[in-house]
Amino acid sequence: MQSEDLQQIKQILDENNKSLATKEDLDGLMLEISEKMATKEDLDGLATKEDLDNLALMVKNGFDGVDKRFEDVYSQLTSIDSRLALIQSEITDIKKSLAELEKRTIEDDNVLSGEFLNLQKRVMMLEKKVEQMARS
């Protein structure tokens, strides 16, 4: 046994407050150690450093693809943002034009209303004159 093994055995004994007094004690300790110890078959099922390196590489490659897709999405969103800014600018221009048109329409309505009233007065005067002429 190596010194590390002996130290582990001593640690187990210390943790369980035991000492090796008899052969039965030693047999029991060996049985306990063999139950807890990994076998070659147990170790065969574990991943090796190479397995873990390959897994890390696969994960990294997967994230590289995700990063590329995020860059594409970001590019598309940037394009959409610029188009939305243009649309917003056009809407602002349309609102301004509409406000100016509304103002002119109100002004035109006021002028036409005044002219209509003047014409109405003139028609009323003409009707009175025609009525007067008809009486005479």
N, C-alpha and C. Protein backbone atom coordinates (compact mmCIF):
# COMPACT_ATOMS: atom_id res chain seq x y z
N MET A 1 0.83 -1.18 0.00
CA MET A 1 0.00 0.00 0.00
C MET A 1 0.87 1.24 0.00
N GLN A 2 0.38 2.26 -0.62
CA GLN A 2 1.11 3.52 -0.66
C GLN A 2 0.78 4.32 0.59
N SER A 3 1.58 5.36 0.83
CA SER A 3 1.37 6.16 2.04
C SER A 3 0.03 6.90 1.99
N GLU A 4 -0.44 7.27 0.80
CA GLU A 4 -1.73 7.93 0.68
C GLU A 4 -2.85 6.99 1.12
N ASP A 5 -2.74 5.72 0.70
CA ASP A 5 -3.74 4.73 1.10
C ASP A 5 -3.75 4.57 2.62
N LEU A 6 -2.58 4.51 3.19
CA LEU A 6 -2.48 4.36 4.64
C LEU A 6 -3.08 5.58 5.35
N GLN A 7 -2.83 6.74 4.80
CA GLN A 7 -3.39 7.96 5.40
C GLN A 7 -4.92 7.94 5.32
N GLN A 8 -5.46 7.46 4.19
CA GLN A 8 -6.91 7.37 4.05
C GLN A 8 -7.48 6.36 5.06
N ILE A 9 -6.80 5.27 5.22
CA ILE A 9 -7.25 4.26 6.19
C ILE A 9 -7.22 4.86 7.59
N LYS A 10 -6.16 5.56 7.92
CA LYS A 10 -6.05 6.19 9.24
C LYS A 10 -7.16 7.22 9.42
N GLN A 11 -7.46 7.96 8.38
CA GLN A 11 -8.52 8.98 8.45
C GLN A 11 -9.87 8.31 8.70
N ILE A 12 -10.15 7.20 8.01
CA ILE A 12 -11.41 6.48 8.21
C ILE A 12 -11.48 5.97 9.64
N LEU A 13 -10.38 5.44 10.11
CA LEU A 13 -10.35 4.95 11.50
C LEU A 13 -10.60 6.09 12.48
N ASP A 14 -9.94 7.23 12.22
CA ASP A 14 -10.10 8.38 13.12
C ASP A 14 -11.54 8.90 13.10
N GLU A 15 -12.15 8.93 11.92
CA GLU A 15 -13.52 9.42 11.81
C GLU A 15 -14.50 8.51 12.54
N ASN A 16 -14.21 7.26 12.56
CA ASN A 16 -15.11 6.29 13.21
C ASN A 16 -14.64 5.92 14.62
N ASN A 17 -13.62 6.62 15.10
CA ASN A 17 -13.06 6.36 16.44
C ASN A 17 -12.74 4.88 16.63
N LYS A 18 -12.04 4.30 15.67
CA LYS A 18 -11.69 2.88 15.73
C LYS A 18 -10.17 2.74 15.70
N SER A 19 -9.74 1.62 16.16
CA SER A 19 -8.33 1.26 16.04
C SER A 19 -8.28 -0.19 15.58
N LEU A 20 -7.12 -0.59 15.04
CA LEU A 20 -6.98 -1.96 14.54
C LEU A 20 -6.45 -2.83 15.68
N ALA A 21 -7.37 -3.41 16.39
CA ALA A 21 -6.94 -4.23 17.52
C ALA A 21 -6.89 -5.70 17.15
N THR A 22 -7.78 -6.12 16.25
CA THR A 22 -7.83 -7.56 15.94
C THR A 22 -7.89 -7.75 14.43
N LYS A 23 -7.73 -9.03 14.03
CA LYS A 23 -7.84 -9.36 12.62
C LYS A 23 -9.25 -9.10 12.13
N GLU A 24 -10.26 -9.34 12.99
CA GLU A 24 -11.65 -9.07 12.61
C GLU A 24 -11.85 -7.58 12.33
N ASP A 25 -11.19 -6.75 13.17
CA ASP A 25 -11.28 -5.30 12.94
C ASP A 25 -10.69 -4.94 11.57
N LEU A 26 -9.56 -5.54 11.29
CA LEU A 26 -8.90 -5.27 10.01
C LEU A 26 -9.75 -5.81 8.85
N ASP A 27 -10.33 -6.98 9.00
CA ASP A 27 -11.20 -7.53 7.95
C ASP A 27 -12.43 -6.64 7.73
N GLY A 28 -13.00 -6.18 8.82
CA GLY A 28 -14.16 -5.28 8.71
C GLY A 28 -13.79 -3.98 8.01
N LEU A 29 -12.60 -3.46 8.36
CA LEU A 29 -12.14 -2.23 7.73
C LEU A 29 -11.90 -2.45 6.24
N MET A 30 -11.30 -3.56 5.87
CA MET A 30 -11.04 -3.85 4.47
C MET A 30 -12.36 -4.01 3.71
N LEU A 31 -13.35 -4.64 4.35
CA LEU A 31 -14.66 -4.81 3.72
C LEU A 31 -15.30 -3.43 3.49
N GLU A 32 -15.21 -2.58 4.51
CA GLU A 32 -15.77 -1.22 4.40
C GLU A 32 -15.07 -0.44 3.28
N ILE A 33 -13.76 -0.55 3.20
CA ILE A 33 -13.00 0.14 2.16
C ILE A 33 -13.35 -0.41 0.78
N SER A 34 -13.46 -1.72 0.67
CA SER A 34 -13.76 -2.32 -0.64
C SER A 34 -15.16 -1.94 -1.11
N GLU A 35 -16.10 -1.75 -0.16
CA GLU A 35 -17.46 -1.33 -0.54
C GLU A 35 -17.47 0.10 -1.06
N LYS A 36 -16.60 0.93 -0.51
CA LYS A 36 -16.57 2.34 -0.90
C LYS A 36 -15.62 2.61 -2.06
N MET A 37 -14.74 1.70 -2.32
CA MET A 37 -13.72 1.91 -3.34
C MET A 37 -14.29 1.67 -4.74
N ALA A 38 -13.91 2.50 -5.69
CA ALA A 38 -14.35 2.35 -7.07
C ALA A 38 -13.56 1.23 -7.74
N THR A 39 -14.28 0.47 -8.55
CA THR A 39 -13.63 -0.61 -9.29
C THR A 39 -13.27 -0.12 -10.69
N LYS A 40 -12.50 -0.95 -11.40
CA LYS A 40 -12.13 -0.60 -12.78
C LYS A 40 -13.38 -0.48 -13.63
N GLU A 41 -14.37 -1.33 -13.39
CA GLU A 41 -15.62 -1.26 -14.13
C GLU A 41 -16.35 0.06 -13.85
N ASP A 42 -16.30 0.49 -12.57
CA ASP A 42 -16.92 1.77 -12.21
C ASP A 42 -16.25 2.91 -12.98
N LEU A 43 -14.94 2.87 -13.05
CA LEU A 43 -14.19 3.94 -13.68
C LEU A 43 -14.36 3.95 -15.20
N ASP A 44 -14.64 2.77 -15.79
CA ASP A 44 -14.82 2.70 -17.24
C ASP A 44 -16.03 3.53 -17.69
N GLY A 45 -17.02 3.66 -16.82
CA GLY A 45 -18.22 4.41 -17.18
C GLY A 45 -18.06 5.92 -17.05
N LEU A 46 -16.95 6.37 -16.48
CA LEU A 46 -16.76 7.81 -16.28
C LEU A 46 -16.14 8.46 -17.51
N ALA A 47 -16.42 9.74 -17.65
CA ALA A 47 -15.87 10.49 -18.78
C ALA A 47 -14.38 10.73 -18.57
N THR A 48 -13.65 10.67 -19.67
CA THR A 48 -12.21 10.96 -19.61
C THR A 48 -12.01 12.45 -19.87
N LYS A 49 -10.81 12.91 -19.69
CA LYS A 49 -10.48 14.31 -19.98
C LYS A 49 -10.75 14.60 -21.45
N GLU A 50 -10.43 13.66 -22.30
CA GLU A 50 -10.67 13.83 -23.74
C GLU A 50 -12.18 13.96 -24.01
N ASP A 51 -12.98 13.11 -23.32
CA ASP A 51 -14.43 13.20 -23.47
C ASP A 51 -14.93 14.58 -23.07
N LEU A 52 -14.44 15.08 -21.95
CA LEU A 52 -14.87 16.40 -21.47
C LEU A 52 -14.40 17.51 -22.41
N ASP A 53 -13.18 17.38 -22.93
CA ASP A 53 -12.69 18.38 -23.90
C ASP A 53 -13.56 18.38 -25.16
N ASN A 54 -13.92 17.18 -25.64
CA ASN A 54 -14.79 17.09 -26.83
C ASN A 54 -16.16 17.70 -26.56
N LEU A 55 -16.69 17.44 -25.36
CA LEU A 55 -17.98 18.00 -24.99
C LEU A 55 -17.90 19.53 -24.92
N ALA A 56 -16.84 20.04 -24.33
CA ALA A 56 -16.65 21.48 -24.25
C ALA A 56 -16.58 22.10 -25.65
N LEU A 57 -15.89 21.43 -26.55
CA LEU A 57 -15.78 21.91 -27.93
C LEU A 57 -17.15 21.90 -28.63
N MET A 58 -17.92 20.83 -28.40
CA MET A 58 -19.26 20.76 -29.00
C MET A 58 -20.14 21.89 -28.48
N VAL A 59 -20.09 22.14 -27.19
CA VAL A 59 -20.89 23.22 -26.60
C VAL A 59 -20.46 24.56 -27.16
N LYS A 60 -19.14 24.77 -27.25
CA LYS A 60 -18.63 26.04 -27.79
C LYS A 60 -19.09 26.24 -29.22
N ASN A 61 -18.99 25.19 -30.04
CA ASN A 61 -19.43 25.29 -31.43
C ASN A 61 -20.92 25.58 -31.51
N GLY A 62 -21.68 24.98 -30.63
CA GLY A 62 -23.12 25.25 -30.59
C GLY A 62 -23.40 26.71 -30.27
N PHE A 63 -22.66 27.26 -29.31
CA PHE A 63 -22.86 28.66 -28.95
C PHE A 63 -22.35 29.60 -30.03
N ASP A 64 -21.34 29.18 -30.77
CA ASP A 64 -20.88 30.01 -31.89
C ASP A 64 -22.00 30.19 -32.91
N GLY A 65 -22.73 29.12 -33.16
CA GLY A 65 -23.87 29.19 -34.08
C GLY A 65 -24.96 30.10 -33.53
N VAL A 66 -25.21 30.00 -32.23
CA VAL A 66 -26.22 30.86 -31.61
C VAL A 66 -25.78 32.33 -31.69
N ASP A 67 -24.50 32.58 -31.44
CA ASP A 67 -23.98 33.94 -31.54
C ASP A 67 -24.20 34.50 -32.94
N LYS A 68 -23.96 33.69 -33.96
CA LYS A 68 -24.15 34.14 -35.35
C LYS A 68 -25.61 34.47 -35.60
N ARG A 69 -26.51 33.62 -35.09
CA ARG A 69 -27.95 33.89 -35.28
C ARG A 69 -28.36 35.16 -34.55
N PHE A 70 -27.80 35.40 -33.35
CA PHE A 70 -28.12 36.63 -32.62
C PHE A 70 -27.61 37.85 -33.39
N GLU A 71 -26.45 37.72 -34.02
CA GLU A 71 -25.93 38.83 -34.83
C GLU A 71 -26.87 39.11 -36.00
N ASP A 72 -27.38 38.05 -36.63
CA ASP A 72 -28.33 38.22 -37.74
C ASP A 72 -29.61 38.90 -37.26
N VAL A 73 -30.12 38.46 -36.12
CA VAL A 73 -31.34 39.06 -35.57
C VAL A 73 -31.09 40.53 -35.23
N TYR A 74 -29.94 40.83 -34.64
CA TYR A 74 -29.60 42.21 -34.29
C TYR A 74 -29.53 43.07 -35.55
N SER A 75 -28.96 42.52 -36.60
CA SER A 75 -28.87 43.25 -37.87
C SER A 75 -30.27 43.53 -38.42
N GLN A 76 -31.14 42.55 -38.36
CA GLN A 76 -32.51 42.73 -38.85
C GLN A 76 -33.25 43.77 -38.00
N LEU A 77 -33.06 43.72 -36.69
CA LEU A 77 -33.72 44.70 -35.82
C LEU A 77 -33.21 46.11 -36.08
N THR A 78 -31.93 46.24 -36.36
CA THR A 78 -31.37 47.54 -36.68
C THR A 78 -32.00 48.07 -37.97
N SER A 79 -32.16 47.21 -38.95
CA SER A 79 -32.80 47.59 -40.21
C SER A 79 -34.25 48.01 -39.97
N ILE A 80 -34.95 47.26 -39.16
CA ILE A 80 -36.35 47.60 -38.84
C ILE A 80 -36.42 48.93 -38.11
N ASP A 81 -35.48 49.16 -37.18
CA ASP A 81 -35.45 50.44 -36.46
C ASP A 81 -35.29 51.61 -37.42
N SER A 82 -34.40 51.47 -38.39
CA SER A 82 -34.18 52.58 -39.32
C SER A 82 -35.41 52.80 -40.19
N ARG A 83 -36.07 51.71 -40.61
CA ARG A 83 -37.30 51.86 -41.41
C ARG A 83 -38.42 52.49 -40.58
N LEU A 84 -38.52 52.11 -39.32
CA LEU A 84 -39.53 52.70 -38.45
C LEU A 84 -39.27 54.19 -38.24
N ALA A 85 -38.00 54.57 -38.12
CA ALA A 85 -37.66 55.99 -37.97
C ALA A 85 -38.08 56.76 -39.21
N LEU A 86 -37.87 56.17 -40.38
CA LEU A 86 -38.27 56.81 -41.64
C LEU A 86 -39.79 56.95 -41.70
N ILE A 87 -40.51 55.90 -41.34
CA ILE A 87 -41.97 55.94 -41.33
C ILE A 87 -42.47 57.00 -40.36
N GLN A 88 -41.84 57.05 -39.19
CA GLN A 88 -42.23 58.05 -38.19
C GLN A 88 -42.01 59.46 -38.73
N SER A 89 -40.92 59.67 -39.42
CA SER A 89 -40.65 60.98 -40.03
C SER A 89 -41.70 61.31 -41.07
N GLU A 90 -42.07 60.33 -41.89
CA GLU A 90 -43.10 60.55 -42.91
C GLU A 90 -44.45 60.86 -42.26
N ILE A 91 -44.78 60.17 -41.20
CA ILE A 91 -46.04 60.44 -40.48
C ILE A 91 -46.04 61.86 -39.93
N THR A 92 -44.91 62.29 -39.39
CA THR A 92 -44.80 63.66 -38.87
C THR A 92 -45.02 64.67 -39.99
N ASP A 93 -44.42 64.42 -41.16
CA ASP A 93 -44.62 65.31 -42.32
C ASP A 93 -46.08 65.33 -42.75
N ILE A 94 -46.72 64.17 -42.77
CA ILE A 94 -48.14 64.08 -43.17
C ILE A 94 -49.00 64.86 -42.17
N LYS A 95 -48.72 64.71 -40.89
CA LYS A 95 -49.49 65.44 -39.87
C LYS A 95 -49.34 66.95 -40.05
N LYS A 96 -48.12 67.39 -40.35
CA LYS A 96 -47.87 68.81 -40.57
C LYS A 96 -48.66 69.30 -41.78
N SER A 97 -48.61 68.54 -42.87
CA SER A 97 -49.36 68.91 -44.08
C SER A 97 -50.85 68.93 -43.81
N LEU A 98 -51.33 67.98 -43.06
CA LEU A 98 -52.75 67.90 -42.73
C LEU A 98 -53.17 69.11 -41.88
N ALA A 99 -52.33 69.50 -40.94
CA ALA A 99 -52.63 70.67 -40.11
C ALA A 99 -52.70 71.93 -40.96
N GLU A 100 -51.76 72.05 -41.90
CA GLU A 100 -51.77 73.22 -42.80
C GLU A 100 -53.02 73.21 -43.68
N LEU A 101 -53.39 72.06 -44.19
CA LEU A 101 -54.59 71.93 -45.02
C LEU A 101 -55.84 72.28 -44.21
N GLU A 102 -55.89 71.80 -43.00
CA GLU A 102 -57.03 72.11 -42.13
C GLU A 102 -57.14 73.61 -41.87
N LYS A 103 -55.99 74.25 -41.64
CA LYS A 103 -55.98 75.69 -41.41
C LYS A 103 -56.50 76.43 -42.66
N ARG A 104 -56.01 76.04 -43.84
CA ARG A 104 -56.46 76.68 -45.09
C ARG A 104 -57.95 76.44 -45.31
N THR A 105 -58.41 75.24 -45.00
CA THR A 105 -59.82 74.91 -45.17
C THR A 105 -60.68 75.80 -44.28
N ILE A 106 -60.27 75.98 -43.06
CA ILE A 106 -61.00 76.86 -42.14
C ILE A 106 -61.01 78.29 -42.67
N GLU A 107 -59.84 78.73 -43.15
CA GLU A 107 -59.77 80.09 -43.70
C GLU A 107 -60.69 80.23 -44.92
N ASP A 108 -60.65 79.22 -45.81
CA ASP A 108 -61.49 79.24 -47.00
C ASP A 108 -62.97 79.22 -46.60
N ASP A 109 -63.31 78.42 -45.60
CA ASP A 109 -64.70 78.36 -45.14
C ASP A 109 -65.16 79.72 -44.61
N ASN A 110 -64.26 80.38 -43.88
CA ASN A 110 -64.61 81.70 -43.34
C ASN A 110 -64.85 82.69 -44.47
N VAL A 111 -63.97 82.66 -45.47
CA VAL A 111 -64.13 83.58 -46.60
C VAL A 111 -65.42 83.27 -47.34
N LEU A 112 -65.68 82.01 -47.63
CA LEU A 112 -66.90 81.61 -48.34
C LEU A 112 -68.15 81.95 -47.54
N SER A 113 -68.08 81.78 -46.26
CA SER A 113 -69.23 82.12 -45.41
C SER A 113 -69.54 83.60 -45.52
N GLY A 114 -68.47 84.42 -45.48
CA GLY A 114 -68.66 85.87 -45.61
C GLY A 114 -69.24 86.21 -46.97
N GLU A 115 -68.73 85.60 -48.02
CA GLU A 115 -69.24 85.86 -49.36
C GLU A 115 -70.68 85.38 -49.49
N PHE A 116 -70.99 84.24 -48.90
CA PHE A 116 -72.35 83.72 -48.95
C PHE A 116 -73.31 84.70 -48.27
N LEU A 117 -72.89 85.22 -47.11
CA LEU A 117 -73.74 86.19 -46.41
C LEU A 117 -73.95 87.44 -47.27
N ASN A 118 -72.88 87.91 -47.91
CA ASN A 118 -72.99 89.09 -48.78
C ASN A 118 -73.94 88.80 -49.94
N LEU A 119 -73.82 87.63 -50.56
CA LEU A 119 -74.70 87.27 -51.65
C LEU A 119 -76.15 87.16 -51.17
N GLN A 120 -76.32 86.60 -50.01
CA GLN A 120 -77.66 86.46 -49.46
C GLN A 120 -78.30 87.83 -49.24
N LYS A 121 -77.51 88.79 -48.74
CA LYS A 121 -78.00 90.16 -48.54
C LYS A 121 -78.38 90.77 -49.89
N ARG A 122 -77.53 90.57 -50.90
CA ARG A 122 -77.79 91.15 -52.22
C ARG A 122 -79.06 90.55 -52.83
N VAL A 123 -79.27 89.23 -52.67
CA VAL A 123 -80.46 88.58 -53.18
C VAL A 123 -81.69 89.15 -52.48
N MET A 124 -81.59 89.31 -51.18
CA MET A 124 -82.72 89.87 -50.43
C MET A 124 -83.03 91.29 -50.93
N MET A 125 -81.98 92.10 -51.19
CA MET A 125 -82.20 93.46 -51.68
C MET A 125 -82.84 93.41 -53.08
N LEU A 126 -82.33 92.51 -53.92
CA LEU A 126 -82.89 92.41 -55.26
C LEU A 126 -84.35 91.94 -55.21
N GLU A 127 -84.65 91.01 -54.34
CA GLU A 127 -86.03 90.54 -54.20
C GLU A 127 -86.95 91.69 -53.77
N LYS A 128 -86.47 92.55 -52.86
CA LYS A 128 -87.26 93.70 -52.41
C LYS A 128 -87.49 94.66 -53.57
N LYS A 129 -86.45 94.89 -54.35
CA LYS A 129 -86.58 95.80 -55.50
C LYS A 129 -87.56 95.24 -56.52
N VAL A 130 -87.45 93.91 -56.78
CA VAL A 130 -88.37 93.27 -57.74
C VAL A 130 -89.78 93.38 -57.21
N GLU A 131 -89.93 93.17 -55.95
CA GLU A 131 -91.26 93.25 -55.32
C GLU A 131 -91.81 94.69 -55.43
N GLN A 132 -90.93 95.65 -55.20
CA GLN A 132 -91.34 97.05 -55.32
C GLN A 132 -91.72 97.37 -56.76
N MET A 133 -90.96 96.88 -57.69
CA MET A 133 -91.21 97.14 -59.11
C MET A 133 -92.52 96.48 -59.53
N ALA A 134 -92.75 95.31 -58.93
CA ALA A 134 -93.96 94.59 -59.29
C ALA A 134 -95.19 95.34 -58.77
N ARG A 135 -95.04 96.06 -57.69
CA ARG A 135 -96.15 96.78 -57.11
C ARG A 135 -96.39 98.08 -57.87
N SER A 136 -95.43 98.60 -58.45
CA SER A 136 -95.61 99.90 -59.12
C SER A 136 -96.05 99.80 -60.51
